[in-house]
């Protein structure tokens, strides 16, 4: 039952990661000279969103 809950909980970070990289691509398409600045922000956002998914899988195994 925990894995079903984790599967549902993983939808949030999945959507978040998609939105992060969609905004990154949109920003680079509008201002290519800002790519290096936007890339570091996108990677940080990806890491934070992925951390939520990793915490969720850890809690699914523990509980």
PDB file of N, CA and C in Angstrom:
ATOM      1  N   UNK A   1       0.817  -1.191   0.000  1.00  0.00           N
ATOM      2  CA  UNK A   1       0.000   0.000   0.000  1.00  0.00           C
ATOM      3  C   UNK A   1       0.866   1.263   0.000  1.00  0.00           C
ATOM      4  N   UNK A   2       2.052   1.168   0.635  1.00  0.00           N
ATOM      5  CA  UNK A   2       2.935   2.339   0.670  1.00  0.00           C
ATOM      6  C   UNK A   2       3.416   2.730  -0.721  1.00  0.00           C
ATOM      7  N   UNK A   3       3.647   1.740  -1.576  1.00  0.00           N
ATOM      8  CA  UNK A   3       4.152   2.035  -2.918  1.00  0.00           C
ATOM      9  C   UNK A   3       3.093   2.735  -3.770  1.00  0.00           C
ATOM     10  N   UNK A   4       1.838   2.434  -3.530  1.00  0.00           N
ATOM     11  CA  UNK A   4       0.775   3.151  -4.247  1.00  0.00           C
ATOM     12  C   UNK A   4       0.777   4.608  -3.821  1.00  0.00           C
ATOM     13  N   UNK A   5       0.937   4.844  -2.529  1.00  0.00           N
ATOM     14  CA  UNK A   5       1.020   6.212  -2.028  1.00  0.00           C
ATOM     15  C   UNK A   5       2.225   6.942  -2.576  1.00  0.00           C
ATOM     16  N   UNK A   6       3.351   6.242  -2.679  1.00  0.00           N
ATOM     17  CA  UNK A   6       4.541   6.888  -3.237  1.00  0.00           C
ATOM     18  C   UNK A   6       4.339   7.202  -4.711  1.00  0.00           C
ATOM     19  N   UNK A   7       3.703   6.301  -5.426  1.00  0.00           N
ATOM     20  CA  UNK A   7       3.441   6.554  -6.841  1.00  0.00           C
ATOM     21  C   UNK A   7       2.601   7.800  -7.033  1.00  0.00           C
ATOM     22  N   UNK A   8       1.620   7.984  -6.186  1.00  0.00           N
ATOM     23  CA  UNK A   8       0.803   9.196  -6.260  1.00  0.00           C
ATOM     24  C   UNK A   8       1.597  10.424  -5.819  1.00  0.00           C
ATOM     25  N   UNK A   9       2.450  10.253  -4.822  1.00  0.00           N
ATOM     26  CA  UNK A   9       3.244  11.386  -4.331  1.00  0.00           C
ATOM     27  C   UNK A   9       4.331  11.794  -5.321  1.00  0.00           C
ATOM     28  N   UNK A  10       4.764  10.882  -6.180  1.00  0.00           N
ATOM     29  CA  UNK A  10       5.819  11.194  -7.151  1.00  0.00           C
ATOM     30  C   UNK A  10       5.297  12.027  -8.315  1.00  0.00           C
ATOM     31  N   UNK A  11       3.989  12.155  -8.432  1.00  0.00           N
ATOM     32  CA  UNK A  11       3.423  12.967  -9.508  1.00  0.00           C
ATOM     33  C   UNK A  11       3.812  14.431  -9.318  1.00  0.00           C
ATOM     34  N   UNK A  12       3.794  14.911  -8.076  1.00  0.00           N
ATOM     35  CA  UNK A  12       4.123  16.312  -7.793  1.00  0.00           C
ATOM     36  C   UNK A  12       5.531  16.706  -8.234  1.00  0.00           C
ATOM     37  N   UNK A  13       6.564  15.995  -7.756  1.00  0.00           N
ATOM     38  CA  UNK A  13       7.913  16.329  -8.220  1.00  0.00           C
ATOM     39  C   UNK A  13       8.093  16.140  -9.725  1.00  0.00           C
ATOM     40  N   UNK A  14       7.398  15.165 -10.299  1.00  0.00           N
ATOM     41  CA  UNK A  14       7.491  14.960 -11.748  1.00  0.00           C
ATOM     42  C   UNK A  14       6.968  16.162 -12.528  1.00  0.00           C
ATOM     43  N   UNK A  15       5.835  16.666 -12.094  1.00  0.00           N
ATOM     44  CA  UNK A  15       5.273  17.857 -12.741  1.00  0.00           C
ATOM     45  C   UNK A  15       6.174  19.061 -12.487  1.00  0.00           C
ATOM     46  N   UNK A  16       6.691  19.161 -11.265  1.00  0.00           N
ATOM     47  CA  UNK A  16       7.567  20.282 -10.933  1.00  0.00           C
ATOM     48  C   UNK A  16       8.829  20.310 -11.782  1.00  0.00           C
ATOM     49  N   UNK A  17       9.440  19.147 -11.986  1.00  0.00           N
ATOM     50  CA  UNK A  17      10.645  19.072 -12.811  1.00  0.00           C
ATOM     51  C   UNK A  17      10.326  19.457 -14.253  1.00  0.00           C
ATOM     52  N   UNK A  18       9.190  19.003 -14.737  1.00  0.00           N
ATOM     53  CA  UNK A  18       8.775  19.381 -16.090  1.00  0.00           C
ATOM     54  C   UNK A  18       8.590  20.877 -16.235  1.00  0.00           C
ATOM     55  N   UNK A  19       7.977  21.502 -15.241  1.00  0.00           N
ATOM     56  CA  UNK A  19       7.779  22.952 -15.292  1.00  0.00           C
ATOM     57  C   UNK A  19       9.099  23.711 -15.191  1.00  0.00           C
ATOM     58  N   UNK A  20      10.019  23.198 -14.377  1.00  0.00           N
ATOM     59  CA  UNK A  20      11.321  23.852 -14.227  1.00  0.00           C
ATOM     60  C   UNK A  20      12.056  23.889 -15.556  1.00  0.00           C
ATOM     61  N   UNK A  21      12.124  22.747 -16.240  1.00  0.00           N
ATOM     62  CA  UNK A  21      12.874  22.715 -17.493  1.00  0.00           C
ATOM     63  C   UNK A  21      12.115  23.378 -18.637  1.00  0.00           C
ATOM     64  N   UNK A  22      10.785  23.410 -18.570  1.00  0.00           N
ATOM     65  CA  UNK A  22      10.019  24.156 -19.572  1.00  0.00           C
ATOM     66  C   UNK A  22      10.304  25.648 -19.455  1.00  0.00           C
ATOM     67  N   UNK A  23      10.376  26.139 -18.216  1.00  0.00           N
ATOM     68  CA  UNK A  23      10.702  27.552 -18.012  1.00  0.00           C
ATOM     69  C   UNK A  23      12.139  27.857 -18.428  1.00  0.00           C
ATOM     70  N   UNK A  24      13.040  26.905 -18.173  1.00  0.00           N
ATOM     71  CA  UNK A  24      14.439  27.090 -18.572  1.00  0.00           C
ATOM     72  C   UNK A  24      14.565  27.188 -20.094  1.00  0.00           C
ATOM     73  N   UNK A  25      13.919  26.281 -20.794  1.00  0.00           N
ATOM     74  CA  UNK A  25      13.978  26.300 -22.259  1.00  0.00           C
ATOM     75  C   UNK A  25      13.358  27.570 -22.802  1.00  0.00           C
ATOM     76  N   UNK A  26      12.242  27.983 -22.212  1.00  0.00           N
ATOM     77  CA  UNK A  26      11.584  29.213 -22.643  1.00  0.00           C
ATOM     78  C   UNK A  26      12.484  30.427 -22.397  1.00  0.00           C
ATOM     79  N   UNK A  27      13.136  30.466 -21.251  1.00  0.00           N
ATOM     80  CA  UNK A  27      14.023  31.586 -20.936  1.00  0.00           C
ATOM     81  C   UNK A  27      15.233  31.648 -21.852  1.00  0.00           C
ATOM     82  N   UNK A  28      15.814  30.502 -22.169  1.00  0.00           N
ATOM     83  CA  UNK A  28      16.977  30.474 -23.063  1.00  0.00           C
ATOM     84  C   UNK A  28      16.564  30.838 -24.489  1.00  0.00           C
ATOM     85  N   UNK A  29      15.364  30.442 -24.883  1.00  0.00           N
ATOM     86  CA  UNK A  29      14.888  30.800 -26.220  1.00  0.00           C
ATOM     87  C   UNK A  29      14.674  32.300 -26.338  1.00  0.00           C
ATOM     88  N   UNK A  30      14.271  32.933 -25.240  1.00  0.00           N
ATOM     89  CA  UNK A  30      14.041  34.384 -25.280  1.00  0.00           C
ATOM     90  C   UNK A  30      15.340  35.172 -25.140  1.00  0.00           C
ATOM     91  N   UNK A  31      16.241  34.701 -24.284  1.00  0.00           N
ATOM     92  CA  UNK A  31      17.506  35.400 -24.063  1.00  0.00           C
ATOM     93  C   UNK A  31      18.646  34.391 -24.023  1.00  0.00           C
ATOM     94  N   UNK A  32      19.220  34.074 -25.168  1.00  0.00           N
ATOM     95  CA  UNK A  32      20.296  33.070 -25.199  1.00  0.00           C
ATOM     96  C   UNK A  32      21.533  33.466 -24.390  1.00  0.00           C
ATOM     97  N   UNK A  33      21.761  34.748 -24.216  1.00  0.00           N
ATOM     98  CA  UNK A  33      22.954  35.175 -23.472  1.00  0.00           C
ATOM     99  C   UNK A  33      22.826  34.892 -21.979  1.00  0.00           C
ATOM    100  N   UNK A  34      21.628  34.608 -21.489  1.00  0.00           N
ATOM    101  CA  UNK A  34      21.418  34.326 -20.071  1.00  0.00           C
ATOM    102  C   UNK A  34      21.434  32.830 -19.775  1.00  0.00           C
ATOM    103  N   UNK A  35      21.921  32.022 -20.698  1.00  0.00           N
ATOM    104  CA  UNK A  35      21.859  30.567 -20.543  1.00  0.00           C
ATOM    105  C   UNK A  35      22.625  30.087 -19.319  1.00  0.00           C
ATOM    106  N   UNK A  36      23.807  30.590 -19.087  1.00  0.00           N
ATOM    107  CA  UNK A  36      24.599  30.082 -17.965  1.00  0.00           C
ATOM    108  C   UNK A  36      23.936  30.406 -16.625  1.00  0.00           C
ATOM    109  N   UNK A  37      23.355  31.579 -16.509  1.00  0.00           N
ATOM    110  CA  UNK A  37      22.670  31.959 -15.267  1.00  0.00           C
ATOM    111  C   UNK A  37      21.407  31.122 -15.069  1.00  0.00           C
ATOM    112  N   UNK A  38      20.633  30.954 -16.133  1.00  0.00           N
ATOM    113  CA  UNK A  38      19.400  30.185 -16.043  1.00  0.00           C
ATOM    114  C   UNK A  38      19.675  28.699 -15.803  1.00  0.00           C
ATOM    115  N   UNK A  39      20.768  28.198 -16.356  1.00  0.00           N
ATOM    116  CA  UNK A  39      21.078  26.784 -16.201  1.00  0.00           C
ATOM    117  C   UNK A  39      21.377  26.442 -14.749  1.00  0.00           C
ATOM    118  N   UNK A  40      22.111  27.296 -14.067  1.00  0.00           N
ATOM    119  CA  UNK A  40      22.416  27.015 -12.666  1.00  0.00           C
ATOM    120  C   UNK A  40      21.150  27.056 -11.812  1.00  0.00           C
ATOM    121  N   UNK A  41      20.245  27.962 -12.115  1.00  0.00           N
ATOM    122  CA  UNK A  41      18.982  28.032 -11.373  1.00  0.00           C
ATOM    123  C   UNK A  41      18.131  26.798 -11.658  1.00  0.00           C
ATOM    124  N   UNK A  42      18.105  26.353 -12.918  1.00  0.00           N
ATOM    125  CA  UNK A  42      17.316  25.179 -13.277  1.00  0.00           C
ATOM    126  C   UNK A  42      17.865  23.921 -12.608  1.00  0.00           C
ATOM    127  N   UNK A  43      19.171  23.788 -12.551  1.00  0.00           N
ATOM    128  CA  UNK A  43      19.773  22.615 -11.908  1.00  0.00           C
ATOM    129  C   UNK A  43      19.476  22.614 -10.411  1.00  0.00           C
ATOM    130  N   UNK A  44      19.520  23.775  -9.779  1.00  0.00           N
ATOM    131  CA  UNK A  44      19.194  23.867  -8.357  1.00  0.00           C
ATOM    132  C   UNK A  44      17.726  23.497  -8.118  1.00  0.00           C
ATOM    133  N   UNK A  45      16.839  24.006  -8.964  1.00  0.00           N
ATOM    134  CA  UNK A  45      15.427  23.654  -8.829  1.00  0.00           C
ATOM    135  C   UNK A  45      15.180  22.180  -9.044  1.00  0.00           C
ATOM    136  N   UNK A  46      15.887  21.593 -10.017  1.00  0.00           N
ATOM    137  CA  UNK A  46      15.763  20.153 -10.266  1.00  0.00           C
ATOM    138  C   UNK A  46      16.207  19.360  -9.049  1.00  0.00           C
ATOM    139  N   UNK A  47      17.321  19.753  -8.452  1.00  0.00           N
ATOM    140  CA  UNK A  47      17.841  19.026  -7.288  1.00  0.00           C
ATOM    141  C   UNK A  47      16.876  19.106  -6.111  1.00  0.00           C
ATOM    142  N   UNK A  48      16.284  20.258  -5.899  1.00  0.00           N
ATOM    143  CA  UNK A  48      15.340  20.398  -4.791  1.00  0.00           C
ATOM    144  C   UNK A  48      14.069  19.593  -5.035  1.00  0.00           C
ATOM    145  N   UNK A  49      13.559  19.617  -6.261  1.00  0.00           N
ATOM    146  CA  UNK A  49      12.357  18.853  -6.572  1.00  0.00           C
ATOM    147  C   UNK A  49      12.633  17.353  -6.497  1.00  0.00           C
ATOM    148  N   UNK A  50      13.790  16.936  -6.949  1.00  0.00           N
ATOM    149  CA  UNK A  50      14.139  15.519  -6.900  1.00  0.00           C
ATOM    150  C   UNK A  50      14.359  15.062  -5.463  1.00  0.00           C
ATOM    151  N   UNK A  51      14.842  15.953  -4.612  1.00  0.00           N
ATOM    152  CA  UNK A  51      15.026  15.604  -3.204  1.00  0.00           C
ATOM    153  C   UNK A  51      13.687  15.254  -2.559  1.00  0.00           C
ATOM    154  N   UNK A  52      12.630  15.935  -2.957  1.00  0.00           N
ATOM    155  CA  UNK A  52      11.309  15.608  -2.415  1.00  0.00           C
ATOM    156  C   UNK A  52      10.899  14.194  -2.803  1.00  0.00           C
ATOM    157  N   UNK A  53      11.190  13.803  -4.033  1.00  0.00           N
ATOM    158  CA  UNK A  53      10.854  12.452  -4.470  1.00  0.00           C
ATOM    159  C   UNK A  53      11.692  11.411  -3.730  1.00  0.00           C
ATOM    160  N   UNK A  54      12.954  11.710  -3.489  1.00  0.00           N
ATOM    161  CA  UNK A  54      13.826  10.765  -2.775  1.00  0.00           C
ATOM    162  C   UNK A  54      13.385  10.626  -1.319  1.00  0.00           C
ATOM    163  N   UNK A  55      13.005  11.735  -0.705  1.00  0.00           N
ATOM    164  CA  UNK A  55      12.486  11.666   0.675  1.00  0.00           C
ATOM    165  C   UNK A  55      11.201  10.852   0.700  1.00  0.00           C
ATOM    166  N   UNK A  56      10.364  11.008  -0.322  1.00  0.00           N
ATOM    167  CA  UNK A  56       9.122  10.244  -0.390  1.00  0.00           C
ATOM    168  C   UNK A  56       9.367   8.752  -0.503  1.00  0.00           C
ATOM    169  N   UNK A  57      10.323   8.339  -1.307  1.00  0.00           N
ATOM    170  CA  UNK A  57      10.591   6.889  -1.434  1.00  0.00           C
ATOM    171  C   UNK A  57      11.191   6.345  -0.142  1.00  0.00           C
ATOM    172  N   UNK A  58      11.995   7.147   0.532  1.00  0.00           N
ATOM    173  CA  UNK A  58      12.555   6.702   1.806  1.00  0.00           C
ATOM    174  C   UNK A  58      11.444   6.521   2.833  1.00  0.00           C
ATOM    175  N   UNK A  59      10.511   7.434   2.866  1.00  0.00           N
ATOM    176  CA  UNK A  59       9.399   7.304   3.815  1.00  0.00           C
ATOM    177  C   UNK A  59       8.473   6.157   3.449  1.00  0.00           C
ATOM    178  N   UNK A  60       8.342   5.870   2.165  1.00  0.00           N
ATOM    179  CA  UNK A  60       7.509   4.748   1.741  1.00  0.00           C
ATOM    180  C   UNK A  60       8.091   3.424   2.238  1.00  0.00           C
ATOM    181  N   UNK A  61       9.404   3.310   2.255  1.00  0.00           N
ATOM    182  CA  UNK A  61      10.032   2.087   2.752  1.00  0.00           C
ATOM    183  C   UNK A  61      10.021   2.012   4.267  1.00  0.00           C
ATOM    184  N   UNK A  62      10.160   3.156   4.920  1.00  0.00           N
ATOM    185  CA  UNK A  62      10.229   3.172   6.385  1.00  0.00           C
ATOM    186  C   UNK A  62       8.848   2.922   6.993  1.00  0.00           C
ATOM    187  N   UNK A  63       7.856   3.590   6.439  1.00  0.00           N
ATOM    188  CA  UNK A  63       6.502   3.465   7.028  1.00  0.00           C
ATOM    189  C   UNK A  63       5.858   2.288   6.463  1.00  0.00           C
TER     190      UNK A  63
END
